[in-house]
Amino acid sequence: MTSTDQQPFLSVKDLKVHFSTEDGIVKAVDGLSFDLAKGRTLGIVGESGSGKSVTNLTILGLHNREHTTINGEILLDGKELLTARERELERLRGNKMSMIFQDALASLSPFHTVGTQIGEVYSKHTGASKKEARARAVEMLRRVGIPQPDVRVDDYPHQFSGGMRQRAMIAMALVCDPELLIADEPTTALDVTVQAQIMDLLKDLQQEFGTAIIFITHDLGVIADIADDVLVMYGGRCVERGSKREVLGAPQHPYTLGLLSSMPSLDGAVDVPLTPIPGSPPSLLNPPTGCRFHPRCAFADKVAGGRCSSERPLLELVDGRGSACHLTLEQRADLFAGSRHH
């Protein structure tokens, strides 16, 4: 997924994250691998419960270790994160890697000013004085487009609009110029105008600092706008990977095709009906055997011998492109041709 002259800044290899519950083992992430280079944006897309957020909380070390079994490898700039001590992870979080959460109001403390919260992160990692931290907070609020930052720095989160709060969250995430930024559906609750502004802001900041970005979303329209590469997750597994142009323009997995067929197109004919994916996402407590998508797949009967329900399809990549599906490429070309996608 990275070009040959770029070493991956982040490398995730065969990651498995399983939670122990009273009802059994939840296989939230079940064998996920990907690479991400600096200056690139990886869009991770999938329905709720597909394992997107769990993957990224695990990268940051924000999981309950007591009830979680994690296997695999996560390398950040060559450093193994899964075996790192909590103190080391705390040093890396906010400094070398950072996260923008979906709900800014829930993520910001109502009891402290926005400037204090941004400055606190900066002081913790740099040892800056209160005066320096405040000046940095003002600078960051200005950078993310908040008007009168020297005044708004003393406001509390409830005095900010939704879009402004999200900008403040981005300012906090970027205050130490992290090299890896994880954005977990950061524009979901915002109107489309503010959403577009936030996306432009992230792209500008990436261009300025060469940040590696993971952008988590269920919205393929957002992916089309911001991502370089796309990873499609379903039932805790990656089912398709490739460049944005490849995945959105010529999907290779029935699930990706289903996602594309269920969203409206601005340039498509108005009389073309949207086709929702039937059924519901699988239980990760008791997932389907074989291909996890097969109970909802319109093409499962096209594969001989019932392999879709009995045999797990492997994700075979050629130059970072591939999908985990038992259909041959020829079958997919024929079957997908009549289906609606953008």
C-alpha atoms as a PDB file:
ATOM      1  CA  MET A   1       0.000   0.000   0.000  1.00  0.00           C
ATOM      2  CA  THR A   2       3.043   2.179   0.052  1.00  0.00           C
ATOM      3  CA  SER A   3       5.295   2.958  -2.850  1.00  0.00           C
ATOM      4  CA  THR A   4       8.565   1.069  -3.115  1.00  0.00           C
ATOM      5  CA  ASP A   5      10.732   4.036  -2.127  1.00  0.00           C
ATOM      6  CA  GLN A   6       8.800   4.634   1.109  1.00  0.00           C
ATOM      7  CA  GLN A   7       9.328   2.590   4.247  1.00  0.00           C
ATOM      8  CA  PRO A   8       6.074   2.182   6.184  1.00  0.00           C
ATOM      9  CA  PHE A   9       5.957   4.446   9.219  1.00  0.00           C
ATOM     10  CA  LEU A  10       3.262   2.226  10.744  1.00  0.00           C
ATOM     11  CA  SER A  11       3.152  -1.508  10.139  1.00  0.00           C
ATOM     12  CA  VAL A  12       0.381  -3.736  11.527  1.00  0.00           C
ATOM     13  CA  LYS A  13       0.907  -7.478  11.054  1.00  0.00           C
ATOM     14  CA  ASP A  14      -1.666 -10.228  11.700  1.00  0.00           C
ATOM     15  CA  LEU A  15      -3.315  -8.265  14.529  1.00  0.00           C
ATOM     16  CA  LYS A  16      -5.838 -10.192  16.622  1.00  0.00           C
ATOM     17  CA  VAL A  17      -7.795  -8.470  19.412  1.00  0.00           C
ATOM     18  CA  HIS A  18     -10.112 -10.765  21.372  1.00  0.00           C
ATOM     19  CA  PHE A  19     -12.214  -9.695  24.376  1.00  0.00           C
ATOM     20  CA  SER A  20     -13.293 -12.032  27.181  1.00  0.00           C
ATOM     21  CA  THR A  21     -16.962 -11.572  28.128  1.00  0.00           C
ATOM     22  CA  GLU A  22     -19.464 -13.525  30.241  1.00  0.00           C
ATOM     23  CA  ASP A  23     -20.933 -14.893  27.008  1.00  0.00           C
ATOM     24  CA  GLY A  24     -17.601 -15.962  25.477  1.00  0.00           C
ATOM     25  CA  ILE A  25     -14.754 -14.578  23.364  1.00  0.00           C
ATOM     26  CA  VAL A  26     -15.483 -11.602  21.094  1.00  0.00           C
ATOM     27  CA  LYS A  27     -13.122 -11.652  18.095  1.00  0.00           C
ATOM     28  CA  ALA A  28     -13.180  -7.900  17.482  1.00  0.00           C
ATOM     29  CA  VAL A  29     -10.138  -7.949  15.162  1.00  0.00           C
ATOM     30  CA  ASP A  30      -9.157 -11.263  13.632  1.00  0.00           C
ATOM     31  CA  GLY A  31      -5.926 -11.203  11.640  1.00  0.00           C
ATOM     32  CA  LEU A  32      -5.492  -7.677  10.247  1.00  0.00           C
ATOM     33  CA  SER A  33      -2.392  -6.425   8.412  1.00  0.00           C
ATOM     34  CA  PHE A  34      -1.575  -3.106   6.737  1.00  0.00           C
ATOM     35  CA  ASP A  35       1.224  -0.578   6.237  1.00  0.00           C
ATOM     36  CA  LEU A  36       1.080   3.215   6.215  1.00  0.00           C
ATOM     37  CA  ALA A  37       3.786   5.614   5.034  1.00  0.00           C
ATOM     38  CA  LYS A  38       4.302   9.210   6.142  1.00  0.00           C
ATOM     39  CA  GLY A  39       2.326  11.744   4.155  1.00  0.00           C
ATOM     40  CA  ARG A  40      -0.310   9.148   3.195  1.00  0.00           C
ATOM     41  CA  THR A  41      -3.919   8.747   4.327  1.00  0.00           C
ATOM     42  CA  LEU A  42      -5.412   5.292   4.828  1.00  0.00           C
ATOM     43  CA  GLY A  43      -9.201   5.197   4.908  1.00  0.00           C
ATOM     44  CA  ILE A  44     -10.610   2.330   6.975  1.00  0.00           C
ATOM     45  CA  VAL A  45     -14.250   1.767   6.115  1.00  0.00           C
ATOM     46  CA  GLY A  46     -16.927  -0.639   7.309  1.00  0.00           C
ATOM     47  CA  GLU A  47     -20.195  -0.886   9.194  1.00  0.00           C
ATOM     48  CA  SER A  48     -20.428  -0.426  12.967  1.00  0.00           C
ATOM     49  CA  GLY A  49     -18.854  -3.365  14.779  1.00  0.00           C
ATOM     50  CA  SER A  50     -16.447  -4.240  11.967  1.00  0.00           C
ATOM     51  CA  GLY A  51     -13.382  -3.658  14.149  1.00  0.00           C
ATOM     52  CA  LYS A  52     -12.293  -0.237  12.839  1.00  0.00           C
ATOM     53  CA  SER A  53     -12.153   1.623  16.139  1.00  0.00           C
ATOM     54  CA  VAL A  54     -10.823  -1.335  18.141  1.00  0.00           C
ATOM     55  CA  THR A  55      -7.877  -1.575  15.733  1.00  0.00           C
ATOM     56  CA  ASN A  56      -6.922   2.028  16.276  1.00  0.00           C
ATOM     57  CA  LEU A  57      -7.447   2.068  20.035  1.00  0.00           C
ATOM     58  CA  THR A  58      -5.104  -0.937  20.136  1.00  0.00           C
ATOM     59  CA  ILE A  59      -2.456   0.960  18.135  1.00  0.00           C
ATOM     60  CA  LEU A  60      -2.629   3.706  20.774  1.00  0.00           C
ATOM     61  CA  GLY A  61      -2.618   1.191  23.630  1.00  0.00           C
ATOM     62  CA  LEU A  62      -6.040   2.378  24.841  1.00  0.00           C
ATOM     63  CA  HIS A  63      -7.538  -1.001  25.687  1.00  0.00           C
ATOM     64  CA  ASN A  64      -8.422  -2.851  28.867  1.00  0.00           C
ATOM     65  CA  ARG A  65      -5.476  -5.225  29.159  1.00  0.00           C
ATOM     66  CA  GLU A  66      -7.178  -7.274  31.869  1.00  0.00           C
ATOM     67  CA  HIS A  67      -9.903  -8.660  29.599  1.00  0.00           C
ATOM     68  CA  THR A  68      -8.136  -8.400  26.243  1.00  0.00           C
ATOM     69  CA  THR A  69      -5.935 -10.898  24.411  1.00  0.00           C
ATOM     70  CA  ILE A  70      -3.807  -9.289  21.707  1.00  0.00           C
ATOM     71  CA  ASN A  71      -1.550 -11.070  19.256  1.00  0.00           C
ATOM     72  CA  GLY A  72       0.395  -9.860  16.230  1.00  0.00           C
ATOM     73  CA  GLU A  73       2.737  -6.951  15.719  1.00  0.00           C
ATOM     74  CA  ILE A  74       2.377  -3.165  15.601  1.00  0.00           C
ATOM     75  CA  LEU A  75       5.513  -1.281  14.586  1.00  0.00           C
ATOM     76  CA  LEU A  76       5.582   2.533  14.787  1.00  0.00           C
ATOM     77  CA  ASP A  77       8.730   3.898  13.156  1.00  0.00           C
ATOM     78  CA  GLY A  78      10.327   0.500  13.856  1.00  0.00           C
ATOM     79  CA  LYS A  79       9.251   0.378  17.531  1.00  0.00           C
ATOM     80  CA  GLU A  80       7.050  -2.503  18.695  1.00  0.00           C
ATOM     81  CA  LEU A  81       3.990  -1.091  20.494  1.00  0.00           C
ATOM     82  CA  LEU A  82       2.294  -4.255  21.755  1.00  0.00           C
ATOM     83  CA  THR A  83       5.174  -5.063  24.102  1.00  0.00           C
ATOM     84  CA  ALA A  84       5.833  -1.426  25.097  1.00  0.00           C
ATOM     85  CA  ARG A  85       5.287  -0.452  28.716  1.00  0.00           C
ATOM     86  CA  GLU A  86       2.442   1.893  29.646  1.00  0.00           C
ATOM     87  CA  ARG A  87       4.871   4.700  30.494  1.00  0.00           C
ATOM     88  CA  GLU A  88       6.429   4.461  27.032  1.00  0.00           C
ATOM     89  CA  LEU A  89       2.978   4.466  25.380  1.00  0.00           C
ATOM     90  CA  GLU A  90       2.011   7.555  27.383  1.00  0.00           C
ATOM     91  CA  ARG A  91       5.147   9.276  26.112  1.00  0.00           C
ATOM     92  CA  LEU A  92       4.255   8.379  22.516  1.00  0.00           C
ATOM     93  CA  ARG A  93       0.548   9.260  22.776  1.00  0.00           C
ATOM     94  CA  GLY A  94      -0.065  12.903  21.977  1.00  0.00           C
ATOM     95  CA  ASN A  95       3.563  13.305  20.975  1.00  0.00           C
ATOM     96  CA  LYS A  96       4.413  10.855  18.177  1.00  0.00           C
ATOM     97  CA  MET A  97       0.871   9.538  17.657  1.00  0.00           C
ATOM     98  CA  SER A  98      -2.464  11.158  18.382  1.00  0.00           C
ATOM     99  CA  MET A  99      -6.195  10.641  17.900  1.00  0.00           C
ATOM    100  CA  ILE A 100      -9.201  12.802  17.067  1.00  0.00           C
ATOM    101  CA  PHE A 101     -12.318  11.243  18.557  1.00  0.00           C
ATOM    102  CA  GLN A 102     -15.830  11.271  17.112  1.00  0.00           C
ATOM    103  CA  ASP A 103     -17.547  13.174  19.934  1.00  0.00           C
ATOM    104  CA  ALA A 104     -15.619  16.320  20.837  1.00  0.00           C
ATOM    105  CA  LEU A 105     -18.059  17.303  23.618  1.00  0.00           C
ATOM    106  CA  ALA A 106     -17.527  13.964  25.383  1.00  0.00           C
ATOM    107  CA  SER A 107     -13.757  14.118  24.858  1.00  0.00           C
ATOM    108  CA  LEU A 108     -13.226  17.652  26.204  1.00  0.00           C
ATOM    109  CA  SER A 109     -13.555  18.350  29.929  1.00  0.00           C
ATOM    110  CA  PRO A 110     -16.409  20.772  30.699  1.00  0.00           C
ATOM    111  CA  PHE A 111     -14.546  22.044  33.787  1.00  0.00           C
ATOM    112  CA  HIS A 112     -11.467  23.485  32.072  1.00  0.00           C
ATOM    113  CA  THR A 113     -11.045  26.062  29.339  1.00  0.00           C
ATOM    114  CA  VAL A 114     -10.215  24.864  25.843  1.00  0.00           C
ATOM    115  CA  GLY A 115      -6.844  26.624  26.027  1.00  0.00           C
ATOM    116  CA  THR A 116      -5.939  24.941  29.320  1.00  0.00           C
ATOM    117  CA  GLN A 117      -6.681  21.497  27.869  1.00  0.00           C
ATOM    118  CA  ILE A 118      -4.625  22.082  24.719  1.00  0.00           C
ATOM    119  CA  GLY A 119      -1.787  23.648  26.729  1.00  0.00           C
ATOM    120  CA  GLU A 120      -1.738  20.768  29.207  1.00  0.00           C
ATOM    121  CA  VAL A 121      -0.953  18.263  26.457  1.00  0.00           C
ATOM    122  CA  TYR A 122       1.855  20.499  25.188  1.00  0.00           C
ATOM    123  CA  SER A 123       3.350  21.020  28.669  1.00  0.00           C
ATOM    124  CA  LYS A 124       3.234  17.303  29.466  1.00  0.00           C
ATOM    125  CA  HIS A 125       5.315  16.341  26.439  1.00  0.00           C
ATOM    126  CA  THR A 126       7.620  19.361  26.133  1.00  0.00           C
ATOM    127  CA  GLY A 127       7.978  20.681  29.683  1.00  0.00           C
ATOM    128  CA  ALA A 128       6.792  24.099  28.519  1.00  0.00           C
ATOM    129  CA  SER A 129       5.822  26.752  31.075  1.00  0.00           C
ATOM    130  CA  LYS A 130       2.199  27.840  31.534  1.00  0.00           C
ATOM    131  CA  LYS A 131       2.868  30.999  29.541  1.00  0.00           C
ATOM    132  CA  GLU A 132       4.481  29.034  26.675  1.00  0.00           C
ATOM    133  CA  ALA A 133       1.666  26.474  26.731  1.00  0.00           C
ATOM    134  CA  ARG A 134      -0.979  29.192  26.497  1.00  0.00           C
ATOM    135  CA  ALA A 135       0.840  30.856  23.595  1.00  0.00           C
ATOM    136  CA  ARG A 136       1.028  27.458  21.847  1.00  0.00           C
ATOM    137  CA  ALA A 137      -2.708  26.879  22.436  1.00  0.00           C
ATOM    138  CA  VAL A 138      -3.518  30.262  20.850  1.00  0.00           C
ATOM    139  CA  GLU A 139      -1.252  29.426  17.905  1.00  0.00           C
ATOM    140  CA  MET A 140      -2.968  26.034  17.416  1.00  0.00           C
ATOM    141  CA  LEU A 141      -6.473  27.524  17.605  1.00  0.00           C
ATOM    142  CA  ARG A 142      -5.422  30.049  14.962  1.00  0.00           C
ATOM    143  CA  ARG A 143      -3.986  27.260  12.798  1.00  0.00           C
ATOM    144  CA  VAL A 144      -7.244  25.285  12.851  1.00  0.00           C
ATOM    145  CA  GLY A 145      -9.227  28.362  11.822  1.00  0.00           C
ATOM    146  CA  ILE A 146     -10.877  29.510  15.061  1.00  0.00           C
ATOM    147  CA  PRO A 147     -11.482  33.295  14.923  1.00  0.00           C
ATOM    148  CA  GLN A 148     -10.116  35.495  17.734  1.00  0.00           C
ATOM    149  CA  PRO A 149      -8.028  32.628  19.153  1.00  0.00           C
ATOM    150  CA  ASP A 150      -6.453  34.860  21.813  1.00  0.00           C
ATOM    151  CA  VAL A 151      -9.966  35.433  23.217  1.00  0.00           C
ATOM    152  CA  ARG A 152     -11.528  32.010  22.550  1.00  0.00           C
ATOM    153  CA  VAL A 153      -8.597  30.283  24.267  1.00  0.00           C
ATOM    154  CA  ASP A 154     -10.252  31.161  27.599  1.00  0.00           C
ATOM    155  CA  ASP A 155     -13.692  29.808  26.631  1.00  0.00           C
ATOM    156  CA  TYR A 156     -15.122  26.507  27.850  1.00  0.00           C
ATOM    157  CA  PRO A 157     -16.175  23.723  25.439  1.00  0.00           C
ATOM    158  CA  HIS A 158     -19.904  24.485  25.835  1.00  0.00           C
ATOM    159  CA  GLN A 159     -19.237  27.997  24.482  1.00  0.00           C
ATOM    160  CA  PHE A 160     -18.010  26.521  21.181  1.00  0.00           C
ATOM    161  CA  SER A 161     -20.247  25.303  18.344  1.00  0.00           C
ATOM    162  CA  GLY A 162     -19.998  21.654  17.243  1.00  0.00           C
ATOM    163  CA  GLY A 163     -17.653  22.512  14.387  1.00  0.00           C
ATOM    164  CA  MET A 164     -15.501  24.730  16.606  1.00  0.00           C
ATOM    165  CA  ARG A 165     -15.255  22.001  19.258  1.00  0.00           C
ATOM    166  CA  GLN A 166     -14.090  19.570  16.608  1.00  0.00           C
ATOM    167  CA  ARG A 167     -11.464  22.076  15.477  1.00  0.00           C
ATOM    168  CA  ALA A 168     -10.343  22.459  19.100  1.00  0.00           C
ATOM    169  CA  MET A 169     -10.024  18.657  19.324  1.00  0.00           C
ATOM    170  CA  ILE A 170      -7.881  18.689  16.187  1.00  0.00           C
ATOM    171  CA  ALA A 171      -5.762  21.481  17.686  1.00  0.00           C
ATOM    172  CA  MET A 172      -5.241  19.343  20.806  1.00  0.00           C
ATOM    173  CA  ALA A 173      -4.378  16.268  18.746  1.00  0.00           C
ATOM    174  CA  LEU A 174      -1.847  18.220  16.674  1.00  0.00           C
ATOM    175  CA  VAL A 175      -0.322  20.435  19.376  1.00  0.00           C
ATOM    176  CA  CYS A 176       2.874  18.311  19.539  1.00  0.00           C
ATOM    177  CA  ASP A 177       3.052  17.782  15.744  1.00  0.00           C
ATOM    178  CA  PRO A 178       2.449  13.987  15.883  1.00  0.00           C
ATOM    179  CA  GLU A 179       3.742  11.885  13.006  1.00  0.00           C
ATOM    180  CA  LEU A 180       0.714   9.560  13.111  1.00  0.00           C
ATOM    181  CA  LEU A 181      -2.823  10.945  13.391  1.00  0.00           C
ATOM    182  CA  ILE A 182      -5.851   8.677  13.826  1.00  0.00           C
ATOM    183  CA  ALA A 183      -9.182  10.331  13.059  1.00  0.00           C
ATOM    184  CA  ASP A 184     -12.161   8.264  14.270  1.00  0.00           C
ATOM    185  CA  GLU A 185     -15.221   9.500  12.341  1.00  0.00           C
ATOM    186  CA  PRO A 186     -14.332  13.114  13.249  1.00  0.00           C
ATOM    187  CA  THR A 187     -16.939  14.704  10.973  1.00  0.00           C
ATOM    188  CA  THR A 188     -19.965  12.437  11.572  1.00  0.00           C
ATOM    189  CA  ALA A 189     -22.025  14.888  13.661  1.00  0.00           C
ATOM    190  CA  LEU A 190     -21.171  17.962  11.575  1.00  0.00           C
ATOM    191  CA  ASP A 191     -23.073  19.537   8.702  1.00  0.00           C
ATOM    192  CA  VAL A 192     -21.582  19.084   5.232  1.00  0.00           C
ATOM    193  CA  THR A 193     -20.086  22.583   5.024  1.00  0.00           C
ATOM    194  CA  VAL A 194     -18.199  22.221   8.313  1.00  0.00           C
ATOM    195  CA  GLN A 195     -17.300  18.646   7.354  1.00  0.00           C
ATOM    196  CA  ALA A 196     -15.665  19.888   4.145  1.00  0.00           C
ATOM    197  CA  GLN A 197     -13.737  22.545   6.098  1.00  0.00           C
ATOM    198  CA  ILE A 198     -12.418  19.943   8.560  1.00  0.00           C
ATOM    199  CA  MET A 199     -11.325  17.670   5.698  1.00  0.00           C
ATOM    200  CA  ASP A 200      -9.506  20.550   3.988  1.00  0.00           C
ATOM    201  CA  LEU A 201      -7.843  21.400   7.292  1.00  0.00           C
ATOM    202  CA  LEU A 202      -6.545  17.848   7.742  1.00  0.00           C
ATOM    203  CA  LYS A 203      -5.225  17.782   4.174  1.00  0.00           C
ATOM    204  CA  ASP A 204      -3.457  21.132   4.636  1.00  0.00           C
ATOM    205  CA  LEU A 205      -1.880  20.036   7.910  1.00  0.00           C
ATOM    206  CA  GLN A 206      -0.752  16.764   6.352  1.00  0.00           C
ATOM    207  CA  GLN A 207       0.843  18.628   3.476  1.00  0.00           C
ATOM    208  CA  GLU A 208       2.623  20.919   5.943  1.00  0.00           C
ATOM    209  CA  PHE A 209       3.948  18.224   8.293  1.00  0.00           C
ATOM    210  CA  GLY A 210       3.929  14.987   6.236  1.00  0.00           C
ATOM    211  CA  THR A 211       1.695  13.321   8.822  1.00  0.00           C
ATOM    212  CA  ALA A 212       0.554   9.723   8.341  1.00  0.00           C
ATOM    213  CA  ILE A 213      -3.248   9.664   8.787  1.00  0.00           C
ATOM    214  CA  ILE A 214      -5.676   6.829   9.478  1.00  0.00           C
ATOM    215  CA  PHE A 215      -9.211   8.011   8.763  1.00  0.00           C
ATOM    216  CA  ILE A 216     -11.973   5.765  10.139  1.00  0.00           C
ATOM    217  CA  THR A 217     -15.451   6.136   8.671  1.00  0.00           C
ATOM    218  CA  HIS A 218     -18.507   4.319   7.378  1.00  0.00           C
ATOM    219  CA  ASP A 219     -18.976   7.041   4.746  1.00  0.00           C
ATOM    220  CA  LEU A 220     -17.474   6.243   1.330  1.00  0.00           C
ATOM    221  CA  GLY A 221     -18.064   9.830   0.224  1.00  0.00           C
ATOM    222  CA  VAL A 222     -15.624  10.999   2.901  1.00  0.00           C
ATOM    223  CA  ILE A 223     -13.149   8.288   1.843  1.00  0.00           C
ATOM    224  CA  ALA A 224     -13.365   9.498  -1.764  1.00  0.00           C
ATOM    225  CA  ASP A 225     -12.434  12.989  -0.589  1.00  0.00           C
ATOM    226  CA  ILE A 226      -9.553  12.326   1.784  1.00  0.00           C
ATOM    227  CA  ALA A 227      -7.966   8.873   1.410  1.00  0.00           C
ATOM    228  CA  ASP A 228      -5.024   7.741  -0.713  1.00  0.00           C
ATOM    229  CA  ASP A 229      -5.597   4.068   0.068  1.00  0.00           C
ATOM    230  CA  VAL A 230      -8.628   2.165   1.344  1.00  0.00           C
ATOM    231  CA  LEU A 231      -8.980  -0.821   3.659  1.00  0.00           C
ATOM    232  CA  VAL A 232     -12.481  -2.333   3.876  1.00  0.00           C
ATOM    233  CA  MET A 233     -13.268  -4.199   7.108  1.00  0.00           C
ATOM    234  CA  TYR A 234     -16.049  -6.685   7.739  1.00  0.00           C
ATOM    235  CA  GLY A 235     -16.534  -8.841  10.812  1.00  0.00           C
ATOM    236  CA  GLY A 236     -13.114  -8.008  12.255  1.00  0.00           C
ATOM    237  CA  ARG A 237     -11.250  -8.819   9.042  1.00  0.00           C
ATOM    238  CA  CYS A 238      -9.960  -6.932   6.034  1.00  0.00           C
ATOM    239  CA  VAL A 239     -11.956  -8.004   2.981  1.00  0.00           C
ATOM    240  CA  GLU A 240     -10.477  -5.594   0.430  1.00  0.00           C
ATOM    241  CA  ARG A 241      -7.486  -3.300   0.062  1.00  0.00           C
ATOM    242  CA  GLY A 242      -6.117  -1.007  -2.603  1.00  0.00           C
ATOM    243  CA  SER A 243      -5.781   2.575  -3.752  1.00  0.00           C
ATOM    244  CA  LYS A 244      -8.844   4.803  -3.521  1.00  0.00           C
ATOM    245  CA  ARG A 245      -9.222   4.773  -7.292  1.00  0.00           C
ATOM    246  CA  GLU A 246      -9.052   0.952  -7.441  1.00  0.00           C
ATOM    247  CA  VAL A 247     -11.395   0.182  -4.550  1.00  0.00           C
ATOM    248  CA  LEU A 248     -14.049   2.795  -5.309  1.00  0.00           C
ATOM    249  CA  GLY A 249     -13.750   2.546  -9.085  1.00  0.00           C
ATOM    250  CA  ALA A 250     -13.509  -1.231  -9.473  1.00  0.00           C
ATOM    251  CA  PRO A 251     -14.426  -3.054  -6.248  1.00  0.00           C
ATOM    252  CA  GLN A 252     -13.334  -6.684  -6.013  1.00  0.00           C
ATOM    253  CA  HIS A 253     -15.357  -7.820  -2.985  1.00  0.00           C
ATOM    254  CA  PRO A 254     -19.168  -8.214  -2.872  1.00  0.00           C
ATOM    255  CA  TYR A 255     -19.280  -6.297   0.435  1.00  0.00           C
ATOM    256  CA  THR A 256     -17.474  -3.273  -1.033  1.00  0.00           C
ATOM    257  CA  LEU A 257     -19.800  -3.441  -4.038  1.00  0.00           C
ATOM    258  CA  GLY A 258     -22.750  -3.521  -1.633  1.00  0.00           C
ATOM    259  CA  LEU A 259     -21.506  -0.435   0.212  1.00  0.00           C
ATOM    260  CA  LEU A 260     -21.118   1.450  -3.060  1.00  0.00           C
ATOM    261  CA  SER A 261     -24.519   0.314  -4.352  1.00  0.00           C
ATOM    262  CA  SER A 262     -26.259   1.532  -1.208  1.00  0.00           C
ATOM    263  CA  MET A 263     -25.051   5.138  -1.480  1.00  0.00           C
ATOM    264  CA  PRO A 264     -26.474   7.789  -3.823  1.00  0.00           C
ATOM    265  CA  SER A 265     -24.388   9.286  -6.613  1.00  0.00           C
ATOM    266  CA  LEU A 266     -24.473  12.973  -7.480  1.00  0.00           C
ATOM    267  CA  ASP A 267     -23.777  12.223 -11.128  1.00  0.00           C
ATOM    268  CA  GLY A 268     -25.880   9.070 -11.391  1.00  0.00           C
ATOM    269  CA  ALA A 269     -29.366   8.784 -12.877  1.00  0.00           C
ATOM    270  CA  VAL A 270     -32.073   9.735 -10.372  1.00  0.00           C
ATOM    271  CA  ASP A 271     -34.202   6.720 -11.286  1.00  0.00           C
ATOM    272  CA  VAL A 272     -31.516   4.168 -10.393  1.00  0.00           C
ATOM    273  CA  PRO A 273     -32.659   2.550  -7.130  1.00  0.00           C
ATOM    274  CA  LEU A 274     -30.293   2.239  -4.181  1.00  0.00           C
ATOM    275  CA  THR A 275     -29.627  -1.358  -3.173  1.00  0.00           C
ATOM    276  CA  PRO A 276     -29.118  -1.870   0.563  1.00  0.00           C
ATOM    277  CA  ILE A 277     -27.098  -4.854   1.780  1.00  0.00           C
ATOM    278  CA  PRO A 278     -29.607  -7.375   3.188  1.00  0.00           C
ATOM    279  CA  GLY A 279     -29.310  -8.669   6.744  1.00  0.00           C
ATOM    280  CA  SER A 280     -27.151  -7.409   9.603  1.00  0.00           C
ATOM    281  CA  PRO A 281     -23.433  -7.411  10.437  1.00  0.00           C
ATOM    282  CA  PRO A 282     -22.264 -10.672  12.017  1.00  0.00           C
ATOM    283  CA  SER A 283     -21.960 -11.354  15.731  1.00  0.00           C
ATOM    284  CA  LEU A 284     -18.275 -11.298  16.639  1.00  0.00           C
ATOM    285  CA  LEU A 285     -19.119 -13.594  19.552  1.00  0.00           C
ATOM    286  CA  ASN A 286     -20.266 -16.328  17.208  1.00  0.00           C
ATOM    287  CA  PRO A 287     -19.208 -15.284  13.675  1.00  0.00           C
ATOM    288  CA  PRO A 288     -20.196 -17.256  10.553  1.00  0.00           C
ATOM    289  CA  THR A 289     -17.787 -19.944   9.380  1.00  0.00           C
ATOM    290  CA  GLY A 290     -15.881 -19.523   6.120  1.00  0.00           C
ATOM    291  CA  CYS A 291     -16.314 -16.062   4.629  1.00  0.00           C
ATOM    292  CA  ARG A 292     -17.998 -13.912   7.260  1.00  0.00           C
ATOM    293  CA  PHE A 293     -19.974 -12.082   4.594  1.00  0.00           C
ATOM    294  CA  HIS A 294     -21.464 -15.201   2.991  1.00  0.00           C
ATOM    295  CA  PRO A 295     -24.878 -15.090   4.778  1.00  0.00           C
ATOM    296  CA  ARG A 296     -25.493 -11.643   3.208  1.00  0.00           C
ATOM    297  CA  CYS A 297     -23.725 -12.200  -0.129  1.00  0.00           C
ATOM    298  CA  ALA A 298     -25.741 -12.246  -3.352  1.00  0.00           C
ATOM    299  CA  PHE A 299     -23.040 -14.309  -5.105  1.00  0.00           C
ATOM    300  CA  ALA A 300     -22.286 -17.053  -2.538  1.00  0.00           C
ATOM    301  CA  ASP A 301     -24.167 -19.617  -4.638  1.00  0.00           C
ATOM    302  CA  LYS A 302     -21.824 -18.943  -7.577  1.00  0.00           C
ATOM    303  CA  VAL A 303     -18.918 -20.627  -5.775  1.00  0.00           C
ATOM    304  CA  ALA A 304     -18.843 -24.408  -6.147  1.00  0.00           C
ATOM    305  CA  GLY A 305     -18.748 -26.827  -3.228  1.00  0.00           C
ATOM    306  CA  GLY A 306     -20.161 -24.453  -0.620  1.00  0.00           C
ATOM    307  CA  ARG A 307     -16.679 -23.040  -0.016  1.00  0.00           C
ATOM    308  CA  CYS A 308     -18.049 -19.644   1.061  1.00  0.00           C
ATOM    309  CA  SER A 309     -19.628 -21.148   4.178  1.00  0.00           C
ATOM    310  CA  SER A 310     -16.854 -23.630   4.985  1.00  0.00           C
ATOM    311  CA  GLU A 311     -13.507 -22.126   3.940  1.00  0.00           C
ATOM    312  CA  ARG A 312     -12.040 -18.759   4.920  1.00  0.00           C
ATOM    313  CA  PRO A 313     -10.966 -16.839   1.778  1.00  0.00           C
ATOM    314  CA  LEU A 314      -7.423 -15.480   2.000  1.00  0.00           C
ATOM    315  CA  LEU A 315      -6.511 -11.887   1.274  1.00  0.00           C
ATOM    316  CA  GLU A 316      -3.963 -12.205  -1.517  1.00  0.00           C
ATOM    317  CA  LEU A 317      -2.322  -8.918  -2.431  1.00  0.00           C
ATOM    318  CA  VAL A 318      -0.539  -7.924  -5.624  1.00  0.00           C
ATOM    319  CA  ASP A 319       1.131  -4.485  -5.332  1.00  0.00           C
ATOM    320  CA  GLY A 320      -1.067  -3.696  -2.335  1.00  0.00           C
ATOM    321  CA  ARG A 321      -4.276  -4.600  -4.201  1.00  0.00           C
ATOM    322  CA  GLY A 322      -6.553  -7.537  -3.474  1.00  0.00           C
ATOM    323  CA  SER A 323      -9.630  -8.932  -1.767  1.00  0.00           C
ATOM    324  CA  ALA A 324     -10.618 -11.956   0.309  1.00  0.00           C
ATOM    325  CA  CYS A 325     -13.213 -13.654  -1.906  1.00  0.00           C
ATOM    326  CA  HIS A 326     -13.628 -17.146  -3.374  1.00  0.00           C
ATOM    327  CA  LEU A 327     -15.010 -15.764  -6.654  1.00  0.00           C
ATOM    328  CA  THR A 328     -12.440 -15.716  -9.448  1.00  0.00           C
ATOM    329  CA  LEU A 329     -11.523 -12.349 -10.946  1.00  0.00           C
ATOM    330  CA  GLU A 330     -13.317 -13.399 -14.136  1.00  0.00           C
ATOM    331  CA  GLN A 331     -16.492 -14.232 -12.188  1.00  0.00           C
ATOM    332  CA  ARG A 332     -16.342 -10.914 -10.390  1.00  0.00           C
ATOM    333  CA  ALA A 333     -15.906  -9.005 -13.642  1.00  0.00           C
ATOM    334  CA  ASP A 334     -19.030 -10.701 -15.063  1.00  0.00           C
ATOM    335  CA  LEU A 335     -21.198 -10.593 -11.921  1.00  0.00           C
ATOM    336  CA  PHE A 336     -20.278  -7.087 -10.797  1.00  0.00           C
ATOM    337  CA  ALA A 337     -20.687  -5.547 -14.256  1.00  0.00           C
ATOM    338  CA  GLY A 338     -24.472  -5.405 -13.951  1.00  0.00           C
ATOM    339  CA  SER A 339     -24.404  -3.996 -10.427  1.00  0.00           C
ATOM    340  CA  ARG A 340     -24.542  -0.301  -9.703  1.00  0.00           C
ATOM    341  CA  HIS A 341     -21.392   1.388  -8.395  1.00  0.00           C
ATOM    342  CA  HIS A 342     -19.581   4.709  -8.789  1.00  0.00           C
END
